[in-house]
Amino acid sequence: MLLYGRNPVLEALKDGRVSEVLVARGVEESFVNELKAEVGESGVRLRFTARIELDQLAGTTAHQGVMAEVEDLAWASVDDILDRAEAKGEELLIVLLDGITDPRNFGAIIRSAEVLGAHGVVVEERRSAPLSPVVAKTAAGATSFLPVAQTKNLPRLIDALKEDRVWVYGAAGESAQDVTKTDFSGRVALVIGAEGEGLRRLVREKCDVLVSIPTRGQVDSLNASVAAGILIHEVMRGRGKA
C-alpha cells in the first residue's frame, strides 16, 4: 500500500512497516533529516523524485512531499480491543460505527478515538470504508496505535457486548437525553451512525440509551467524526480523564 502525508509516514517508519520512502525534491532539509533519523540503520530506501510523480501516485497534491510503500494495514479483532482495555486496567470504551463509508470521516474518527483514549473502533464488514491510504492519512498515524476491527454483524456484536456487561449508547440527534448529563460509568460502547441516515433501526433498538449533543445553531446536525469526538470526550470527562 502507498501511504502519504508526513505524520502517517513517520509513524509507519516507527512501526517498522515501510520498505521505501519517496521524497519530493525541494522538501525542506529539516524534514529530510527527520526522515533519515527514523530510517536509521533499518535499510529502508529513501528515493528523491519529482513532486509530480508523487501527485500521480497519490492521485492528489495533498501528500506533503512524502510517500511510503508500506505493508497493508491489518484489521485487529474485537478481542484485541477488549484485551487492550484490560491490559491498561481501564473500563472499556469501544466505538462502533454503523455505515461510515466516507474514508475521511472514518480516519478522523480513528484519530479522535486514539487521541482521546478509546480502546478501539469497530466497523461492520459490508457497511464501511476500507482501511485505505486516505483513512491512514486522515488518521494522522493513529492507525499504528489503535486497534480497528471488523464484524460481520453489528447488531449481533452489540448483543454479545451487552452480555459481557457493556452498556451501549447510540448517537441520535432527536434524543432528549443530553450527552453532557449522561452517566458513562462502567464499560461503554458508543455507536455512531452515518451522516444523514443515522443509526439503522435494528442498531438503534439494540442500544440501551440514545444520547444527543446539545446544539445552538441553525444547522441541525454535526459531521459524524465531530460528533464522535464530542461523545468520546464526554465519556472520558465523566471518568475524570478529560
C-alpha atoms as a PDB file:
ATOM      1  CA  MET A   1       0.000   0.000   0.000  1.00  0.00           C
ATOM      2  CA  LEU A   2       1.191   3.532  -0.756  1.00  0.00           C
ATOM      3  CA  LEU A   3       0.831   5.820   2.243  1.00  0.00           C
ATOM      4  CA  TYR A   4       1.252   9.579   2.020  1.00  0.00           C
ATOM      5  CA  GLY A   5       1.454  12.503   4.425  1.00  0.00           C
ATOM      6  CA  ARG A   6       4.211  13.360   6.896  1.00  0.00           C
ATOM      7  CA  ASN A   7       2.717  12.111  10.172  1.00  0.00           C
ATOM      8  CA  PRO A   8       1.415   8.825   8.694  1.00  0.00           C
ATOM      9  CA  VAL A   9       4.776   8.094   7.024  1.00  0.00           C
ATOM     10  CA  LEU A  10       6.782   8.900  10.154  1.00  0.00           C
ATOM     11  CA  GLU A  11       4.516   6.710  12.300  1.00  0.00           C
ATOM     12  CA  ALA A  12       4.757   3.854   9.787  1.00  0.00           C
ATOM     13  CA  LEU A  13       8.563   4.144   9.929  1.00  0.00           C
ATOM     14  CA  LYS A  14       8.469   3.925  13.728  1.00  0.00           C
ATOM     15  CA  ASP A  15       6.226   0.883  13.396  1.00  0.00           C
ATOM     16  CA  GLY A  16       8.655  -0.870  11.018  1.00  0.00           C
ATOM     17  CA  ARG A  17       6.146  -1.280   8.197  1.00  0.00           C
ATOM     18  CA  VAL A  18       7.966   0.689   5.460  1.00  0.00           C
ATOM     19  CA  SER A  19      10.023  -0.723   2.604  1.00  0.00           C
ATOM     20  CA  GLU A  20      10.713   2.505   0.669  1.00  0.00           C
ATOM     21  CA  VAL A  21      10.141   6.254   1.110  1.00  0.00           C
ATOM     22  CA  LEU A  22       9.668   8.615  -1.827  1.00  0.00           C
ATOM     23  CA  VAL A  23      10.508  12.259  -1.122  1.00  0.00           C
ATOM     24  CA  ALA A  24       9.760  15.190  -3.430  1.00  0.00           C
ATOM     25  CA  ARG A  25      12.806  17.187  -4.439  1.00  0.00           C
ATOM     26  CA  GLY A  26      12.804  20.569  -2.721  1.00  0.00           C
ATOM     27  CA  VAL A  27      11.267  19.367   0.550  1.00  0.00           C
ATOM     28  CA  GLU A  28      12.831  21.294   3.431  1.00  0.00           C
ATOM     29  CA  GLU A  29      16.060  19.840   4.776  1.00  0.00           C
ATOM     30  CA  SER A  30      14.793  19.662   8.375  1.00  0.00           C
ATOM     31  CA  PHE A  31      12.088  17.191   7.367  1.00  0.00           C
ATOM     32  CA  VAL A  32      14.521  15.136   5.269  1.00  0.00           C
ATOM     33  CA  ASN A  33      16.806  14.901   8.299  1.00  0.00           C
ATOM     34  CA  GLU A  34      13.859  13.768  10.417  1.00  0.00           C
ATOM     35  CA  LEU A  35      13.133  11.021   7.880  1.00  0.00           C
ATOM     36  CA  LYS A  36      16.791   9.949   7.834  1.00  0.00           C
ATOM     37  CA  ALA A  37      16.811   9.753  11.623  1.00  0.00           C
ATOM     38  CA  GLU A  38      13.736   7.494  11.600  1.00  0.00           C
ATOM     39  CA  VAL A  39      15.159   5.304   8.821  1.00  0.00           C
ATOM     40  CA  GLY A  40      18.434   4.909  10.738  1.00  0.00           C
ATOM     41  CA  GLU A  41      20.025   1.520  10.093  1.00  0.00           C
ATOM     42  CA  SER A  42      16.776  -0.155   9.045  1.00  0.00           C
ATOM     43  CA  GLY A  43      17.704  -0.466   5.391  1.00  0.00           C
ATOM     44  CA  VAL A  44      14.623   1.431   4.228  1.00  0.00           C
ATOM     45  CA  ARG A  45      15.480   3.215   0.992  1.00  0.00           C
ATOM     46  CA  LEU A  46      14.939   6.985   0.633  1.00  0.00           C
ATOM     47  CA  ARG A  47      14.327   7.908  -3.008  1.00  0.00           C
ATOM     48  CA  PHE A  48      14.120  11.525  -4.164  1.00  0.00           C
ATOM     49  CA  THR A  49      11.886  12.240  -7.122  1.00  0.00           C
ATOM     50  CA  ALA A  50       9.908  14.980  -8.872  1.00  0.00           C
ATOM     51  CA  ARG A  51       6.830  16.185  -6.971  1.00  0.00           C
ATOM     52  CA  ILE A  52       4.671  15.404  -9.999  1.00  0.00           C
ATOM     53  CA  GLU A  53       5.443  11.676  -9.594  1.00  0.00           C
ATOM     54  CA  LEU A  54       4.008  11.798  -6.054  1.00  0.00           C
ATOM     55  CA  ASP A  55       0.983  13.732  -7.371  1.00  0.00           C
ATOM     56  CA  GLN A  56       0.329  10.960  -9.879  1.00  0.00           C
ATOM     57  CA  LEU A  57       0.892   8.078  -7.460  1.00  0.00           C
ATOM     58  CA  ALA A  58      -1.234   9.597  -4.689  1.00  0.00           C
ATOM     59  CA  GLY A  59      -3.923  10.928  -7.021  1.00  0.00           C
ATOM     60  CA  THR A  60      -3.756  14.182  -5.054  1.00  0.00           C
ATOM     61  CA  THR A  61      -1.379  17.049  -4.367  1.00  0.00           C
ATOM     62  CA  ALA A  62      -2.030  16.766  -0.610  1.00  0.00           C
ATOM     63  CA  HIS A  63       0.814  14.287   0.027  1.00  0.00           C
ATOM     64  CA  GLN A  64       3.036  16.909   1.766  1.00  0.00           C
ATOM     65  CA  GLY A  65       6.017  15.868  -0.332  1.00  0.00           C
ATOM     66  CA  VAL A  66       6.410  12.343   1.015  1.00  0.00           C
ATOM     67  CA  MET A  67       5.069   8.874   0.302  1.00  0.00           C
ATOM     68  CA  ALA A  68       5.959   5.413   1.567  1.00  0.00           C
ATOM     69  CA  GLU A  69       5.418   1.881   0.397  1.00  0.00           C
ATOM     70  CA  VAL A  70       4.125   0.028   3.450  1.00  0.00           C
ATOM     71  CA  GLU A  71       2.544  -3.249   4.425  1.00  0.00           C
ATOM     72  CA  ASP A  72      -1.226  -3.196   4.083  1.00  0.00           C
ATOM     73  CA  LEU A  73      -3.000  -2.037   7.217  1.00  0.00           C
ATOM     74  CA  ALA A  74      -4.222  -5.055   9.148  1.00  0.00           C
ATOM     75  CA  TRP A  75      -7.570  -5.423  10.850  1.00  0.00           C
ATOM     76  CA  ALA A  76      -7.495  -6.199  14.554  1.00  0.00           C
ATOM     77  CA  SER A  77     -10.155  -8.295  16.307  1.00  0.00           C
ATOM     78  CA  VAL A  78     -12.792  -7.220  18.799  1.00  0.00           C
ATOM     79  CA  ASP A  79     -10.967  -9.359  21.378  1.00  0.00           C
ATOM     80  CA  ASP A  80      -7.833  -7.256  20.773  1.00  0.00           C
ATOM     81  CA  ILE A  81      -9.809  -4.179  21.803  1.00  0.00           C
ATOM     82  CA  LEU A  82     -11.241  -5.836  24.916  1.00  0.00           C
ATOM     83  CA  ASP A  83      -7.777  -7.119  25.860  1.00  0.00           C
ATOM     84  CA  ARG A  84      -6.316  -3.624  25.416  1.00  0.00           C
ATOM     85  CA  ALA A  85      -8.706  -2.143  27.965  1.00  0.00           C
ATOM     86  CA  GLU A  86      -7.988  -4.982  30.392  1.00  0.00           C
ATOM     87  CA  ALA A  87      -4.211  -4.656  29.983  1.00  0.00           C
ATOM     88  CA  LYS A  88      -4.467  -0.945  30.780  1.00  0.00           C
ATOM     89  CA  GLY A  89      -6.639  -1.621  33.811  1.00  0.00           C
ATOM     90  CA  GLU A  90      -9.322   0.685  32.406  1.00  0.00           C
ATOM     91  CA  GLU A  91     -13.060   0.475  31.908  1.00  0.00           C
ATOM     92  CA  LEU A  92     -13.745  -0.385  28.275  1.00  0.00           C
ATOM     93  CA  LEU A  93     -14.584   2.364  25.783  1.00  0.00           C
ATOM     94  CA  ILE A  94     -15.227   0.905  22.337  1.00  0.00           C
ATOM     95  CA  VAL A  95     -16.527   2.896  19.355  1.00  0.00           C
ATOM     96  CA  LEU A  96     -18.897   1.126  16.937  1.00  0.00           C
ATOM     97  CA  LEU A  97     -19.505   2.649  13.505  1.00  0.00           C
ATOM     98  CA  ASP A  98     -22.756   1.975  11.661  1.00  0.00           C
ATOM     99  CA  GLY A  99     -22.407   2.837   7.993  1.00  0.00           C
ATOM    100  CA  ILE A 100     -19.441   5.267   7.998  1.00  0.00           C
ATOM    101  CA  THR A 101     -18.447   4.897   4.346  1.00  0.00           C
ATOM    102  CA  ASP A 102     -16.554   8.157   3.840  1.00  0.00           C
ATOM    103  CA  PRO A 103     -12.833   7.394   4.324  1.00  0.00           C
ATOM    104  CA  ARG A 104     -12.066  10.854   5.715  1.00  0.00           C
ATOM    105  CA  ASN A 105     -14.762  10.560   8.354  1.00  0.00           C
ATOM    106  CA  PHE A 106     -13.512   7.061   9.159  1.00  0.00           C
ATOM    107  CA  GLY A 107      -9.920   8.263   9.518  1.00  0.00           C
ATOM    108  CA  ALA A 108     -10.928  11.285  11.589  1.00  0.00           C
ATOM    109  CA  ILE A 109     -12.902   9.079  13.993  1.00  0.00           C
ATOM    110  CA  ILE A 110      -9.925   6.729  14.406  1.00  0.00           C
ATOM    111  CA  ARG A 111      -7.735   9.752  15.138  1.00  0.00           C
ATOM    112  CA  SER A 112     -10.153  11.164  17.736  1.00  0.00           C
ATOM    113  CA  ALA A 113     -10.617   7.753  19.342  1.00  0.00           C
ATOM    114  CA  GLU A 114      -6.854   7.273  19.743  1.00  0.00           C
ATOM    115  CA  VAL A 115      -6.136  10.810  20.935  1.00  0.00           C
ATOM    116  CA  LEU A 116      -8.995  10.897  23.456  1.00  0.00           C
ATOM    117  CA  GLY A 117      -8.375   7.462  24.965  1.00  0.00           C
ATOM    118  CA  ALA A 118     -10.844   4.986  23.455  1.00  0.00           C
ATOM    119  CA  HIS A 119      -9.618   1.382  23.244  1.00  0.00           C
ATOM    120  CA  GLY A 120     -10.631   0.630  19.668  1.00  0.00           C
ATOM    121  CA  VAL A 121     -13.017   1.129  16.762  1.00  0.00           C
ATOM    122  CA  VAL A 122     -15.242  -1.500  15.135  1.00  0.00           C
ATOM    123  CA  VAL A 123     -16.984  -1.335  11.762  1.00  0.00           C
ATOM    124  CA  GLU A 124     -19.373  -3.683  10.006  1.00  0.00           C
ATOM    125  CA  GLU A 125     -17.682  -5.534   7.168  1.00  0.00           C
ATOM    126  CA  ARG A 126     -20.089  -4.548   4.374  1.00  0.00           C
ATOM    127  CA  ARG A 127     -21.034  -1.073   5.589  1.00  0.00           C
ATOM    128  CA  SER A 128     -17.711   0.723   5.982  1.00  0.00           C
ATOM    129  CA  ALA A 129     -14.939   2.418   4.093  1.00  0.00           C
ATOM    130  CA  PRO A 130     -11.921   0.081   3.747  1.00  0.00           C
ATOM    131  CA  LEU A 131      -8.649   0.654   5.596  1.00  0.00           C
ATOM    132  CA  SER A 132      -7.062   2.706   2.831  1.00  0.00           C
ATOM    133  CA  PRO A 133      -4.268   5.261   2.383  1.00  0.00           C
ATOM    134  CA  VAL A 134      -6.880   8.043   2.659  1.00  0.00           C
ATOM    135  CA  VAL A 135      -8.060   6.643   6.012  1.00  0.00           C
ATOM    136  CA  ALA A 136      -4.470   6.349   7.251  1.00  0.00           C
ATOM    137  CA  LYS A 137      -3.616   9.886   6.064  1.00  0.00           C
ATOM    138  CA  THR A 138      -6.679  11.393   7.787  1.00  0.00           C
ATOM    139  CA  ALA A 139      -5.977   9.382  10.945  1.00  0.00           C
ATOM    140  CA  ALA A 140      -2.520  11.051  11.030  1.00  0.00           C
ATOM    141  CA  GLY A 141      -0.722   7.947  12.263  1.00  0.00           C
ATOM    142  CA  ALA A 142      -3.386   6.757  14.730  1.00  0.00           C
ATOM    143  CA  THR A 143      -3.842   3.505  12.782  1.00  0.00           C
ATOM    144  CA  SER A 144      -0.417   2.466  14.082  1.00  0.00           C
ATOM    145  CA  PHE A 145      -1.606   2.630  17.697  1.00  0.00           C
ATOM    146  CA  LEU A 146      -5.350   1.966  17.850  1.00  0.00           C
ATOM    147  CA  PRO A 147      -6.921  -1.420  17.052  1.00  0.00           C
ATOM    148  CA  VAL A 148      -9.541  -1.170  14.311  1.00  0.00           C
ATOM    149  CA  ALA A 149     -11.702  -4.274  13.896  1.00  0.00           C
ATOM    150  CA  GLN A 150     -14.417  -5.578  11.613  1.00  0.00           C
ATOM    151  CA  THR A 151     -17.553  -7.500  12.495  1.00  0.00           C
ATOM    152  CA  LYS A 152     -19.855  -9.332  10.109  1.00  0.00           C
ATOM    153  CA  ASN A 153     -22.986  -8.283  12.002  1.00  0.00           C
ATOM    154  CA  LEU A 154     -23.073  -5.151  14.163  1.00  0.00           C
ATOM    155  CA  PRO A 155     -26.406  -5.850  15.928  1.00  0.00           C
ATOM    156  CA  ARG A 156     -25.138  -9.310  16.897  1.00  0.00           C
ATOM    157  CA  LEU A 157     -21.911  -7.788  18.227  1.00  0.00           C
ATOM    158  CA  ILE A 158     -23.942  -5.328  20.306  1.00  0.00           C
ATOM    159  CA  ASP A 159     -25.849  -8.265  21.825  1.00  0.00           C
ATOM    160  CA  ALA A 160     -22.570 -10.001  22.688  1.00  0.00           C
ATOM    161  CA  LEU A 161     -21.146  -6.851  24.271  1.00  0.00           C
ATOM    162  CA  LYS A 162     -24.275  -6.368  26.361  1.00  0.00           C
ATOM    163  CA  GLU A 163     -23.995  -9.947  27.606  1.00  0.00           C
ATOM    164  CA  ASP A 164     -20.439  -9.020  28.639  1.00  0.00           C
ATOM    165  CA  ARG A 165     -21.719  -6.146  30.823  1.00  0.00           C
ATOM    166  CA  VAL A 166     -21.092  -3.374  28.304  1.00  0.00           C
ATOM    167  CA  TRP A 167     -23.615  -0.514  28.297  1.00  0.00           C
ATOM    168  CA  VAL A 168     -24.393   0.645  24.744  1.00  0.00           C
ATOM    169  CA  TYR A 169     -25.058   4.301  23.919  1.00  0.00           C
ATOM    170  CA  GLY A 170     -26.243   5.307  20.448  1.00  0.00           C
ATOM    171  CA  ALA A 171     -25.879   8.794  18.984  1.00  0.00           C
ATOM    172  CA  ALA A 172     -29.275  10.142  17.905  1.00  0.00           C
ATOM    173  CA  GLY A 173     -29.855  13.840  17.351  1.00  0.00           C
ATOM    174  CA  GLU A 174     -33.534  13.644  18.240  1.00  0.00           C
ATOM    175  CA  SER A 175     -32.951  12.019  21.638  1.00  0.00           C
ATOM    176  CA  ALA A 176     -33.961  14.022  24.704  1.00  0.00           C
ATOM    177  CA  GLN A 177     -31.044  12.518  26.675  1.00  0.00           C
ATOM    178  CA  ASP A 178     -28.317  15.186  26.806  1.00  0.00           C
ATOM    179  CA  VAL A 179     -24.878  13.589  26.433  1.00  0.00           C
ATOM    180  CA  THR A 180     -23.385  16.140  28.846  1.00  0.00           C
ATOM    181  CA  LYS A 181     -25.769  14.943  31.576  1.00  0.00           C
ATOM    182  CA  THR A 182     -25.314  11.218  30.995  1.00  0.00           C
ATOM    183  CA  ASP A 183     -23.587   8.837  33.407  1.00  0.00           C
ATOM    184  CA  PHE A 184     -20.951   6.931  31.429  1.00  0.00           C
ATOM    185  CA  SER A 185     -19.549   4.914  34.320  1.00  0.00           C
ATOM    186  CA  GLY A 186     -18.762   1.254  33.686  1.00  0.00           C
ATOM    187  CA  ARG A 187     -17.932  -0.421  30.398  1.00  0.00           C
ATOM    188  CA  VAL A 188     -19.155   1.650  27.450  1.00  0.00           C
ATOM    189  CA  ALA A 189     -19.784   1.187  23.731  1.00  0.00           C
ATOM    190  CA  LEU A 190     -20.588   4.288  21.656  1.00  0.00           C
ATOM    191  CA  VAL A 191     -22.459   3.729  18.390  1.00  0.00           C
ATOM    192  CA  ILE A 192     -22.116   6.370  15.655  1.00  0.00           C
ATOM    193  CA  GLY A 193     -24.344   6.264  12.577  1.00  0.00           C
ATOM    194  CA  ALA A 194     -23.917   7.538   9.057  1.00  0.00           C
ATOM    195  CA  GLU A 195     -24.402  11.205   8.284  1.00  0.00           C
ATOM    196  CA  GLY A 196     -27.932  11.920   7.120  1.00  0.00           C
ATOM    197  CA  GLU A 197     -29.174   8.383   7.776  1.00  0.00           C
ATOM    198  CA  GLY A 198     -28.151   7.995  11.404  1.00  0.00           C
ATOM    199  CA  LEU A 199     -28.388   4.602  13.064  1.00  0.00           C
ATOM    200  CA  ARG A 200     -30.227   1.772  11.363  1.00  0.00           C
ATOM    201  CA  ARG A 201     -33.493   0.811  13.037  1.00  0.00           C
ATOM    202  CA  LEU A 202     -32.214  -2.535  14.351  1.00  0.00           C
ATOM    203  CA  VAL A 203     -28.982  -0.996  15.657  1.00  0.00           C
ATOM    204  CA  ARG A 204     -30.954   1.796  17.314  1.00  0.00           C
ATOM    205  CA  GLU A 205     -33.248  -0.716  19.017  1.00  0.00           C
ATOM    206  CA  LYS A 206     -30.278  -2.645  20.385  1.00  0.00           C
ATOM    207  CA  CYS A 207     -28.853   0.426  22.174  1.00  0.00           C
ATOM    208  CA  ASP A 208     -29.507   0.755  25.904  1.00  0.00           C
ATOM    209  CA  VAL A 209     -29.640   4.563  25.720  1.00  0.00           C
ATOM    210  CA  LEU A 210     -29.831   7.081  22.874  1.00  0.00           C
ATOM    211  CA  VAL A 211     -27.995  10.340  23.514  1.00  0.00           C
ATOM    212  CA  SER A 212     -27.812  13.674  21.733  1.00  0.00           C
ATOM    213  CA  ILE A 213     -25.342  16.554  21.647  1.00  0.00           C
ATOM    214  CA  PRO A 214     -26.914  19.906  22.545  1.00  0.00           C
ATOM    215  CA  THR A 215     -26.642  22.395  19.664  1.00  0.00           C
ATOM    216  CA  ARG A 216     -27.456  26.099  19.379  1.00  0.00           C
ATOM    217  CA  GLY A 217     -27.000  26.905  15.695  1.00  0.00           C
ATOM    218  CA  GLN A 218     -29.345  26.776  12.735  1.00  0.00           C
ATOM    219  CA  VAL A 219     -27.790  23.659  11.176  1.00  0.00           C
ATOM    220  CA  ASP A 220     -29.482  20.634  12.727  1.00  0.00           C
ATOM    221  CA  SER A 221     -26.644  18.092  12.760  1.00  0.00           C
ATOM    222  CA  LEU A 222     -22.906  17.628  13.204  1.00  0.00           C
ATOM    223  CA  ASN A 223     -20.404  15.882  10.973  1.00  0.00           C
ATOM    224  CA  ALA A 224     -20.128  12.234  12.087  1.00  0.00           C
ATOM    225  CA  SER A 225     -16.458  12.497  13.018  1.00  0.00           C
ATOM    226  CA  VAL A 226     -17.038  15.700  15.021  1.00  0.00           C
ATOM    227  CA  ALA A 227     -19.952  14.064  16.852  1.00  0.00           C
ATOM    228  CA  ALA A 228     -17.810  11.016  17.621  1.00  0.00           C
ATOM    229  CA  GLY A 229     -15.054  13.214  19.066  1.00  0.00           C
ATOM    230  CA  ILE A 230     -17.509  15.049  21.329  1.00  0.00           C
ATOM    231  CA  LEU A 231     -19.092  11.805  22.541  1.00  0.00           C
ATOM    232  CA  ILE A 232     -15.735  10.164  23.299  1.00  0.00           C
ATOM    233  CA  HIS A 233     -14.626  13.306  25.141  1.00  0.00           C
ATOM    234  CA  GLU A 234     -17.813  13.296  27.242  1.00  0.00           C
ATOM    235  CA  VAL A 235     -17.231   9.675  28.281  1.00  0.00           C
ATOM    236  CA  MET A 236     -13.667  10.474  29.320  1.00  0.00           C
ATOM    237  CA  ARG A 237     -14.721  13.692  31.057  1.00  0.00           C
ATOM    238  CA  GLY A 238     -17.259  11.733  33.096  1.00  0.00           C
ATOM    239  CA  ARG A 239     -14.453   9.400  34.122  1.00  0.00           C
ATOM    240  CA  GLY A 240     -12.290  12.332  35.188  1.00  0.00           C
ATOM    241  CA  LYS A 241      -9.828  11.796  32.334  1.00  0.00           C
ATOM    242  CA  ALA A 242     -10.535  14.813  30.119  1.00  0.00           C
END
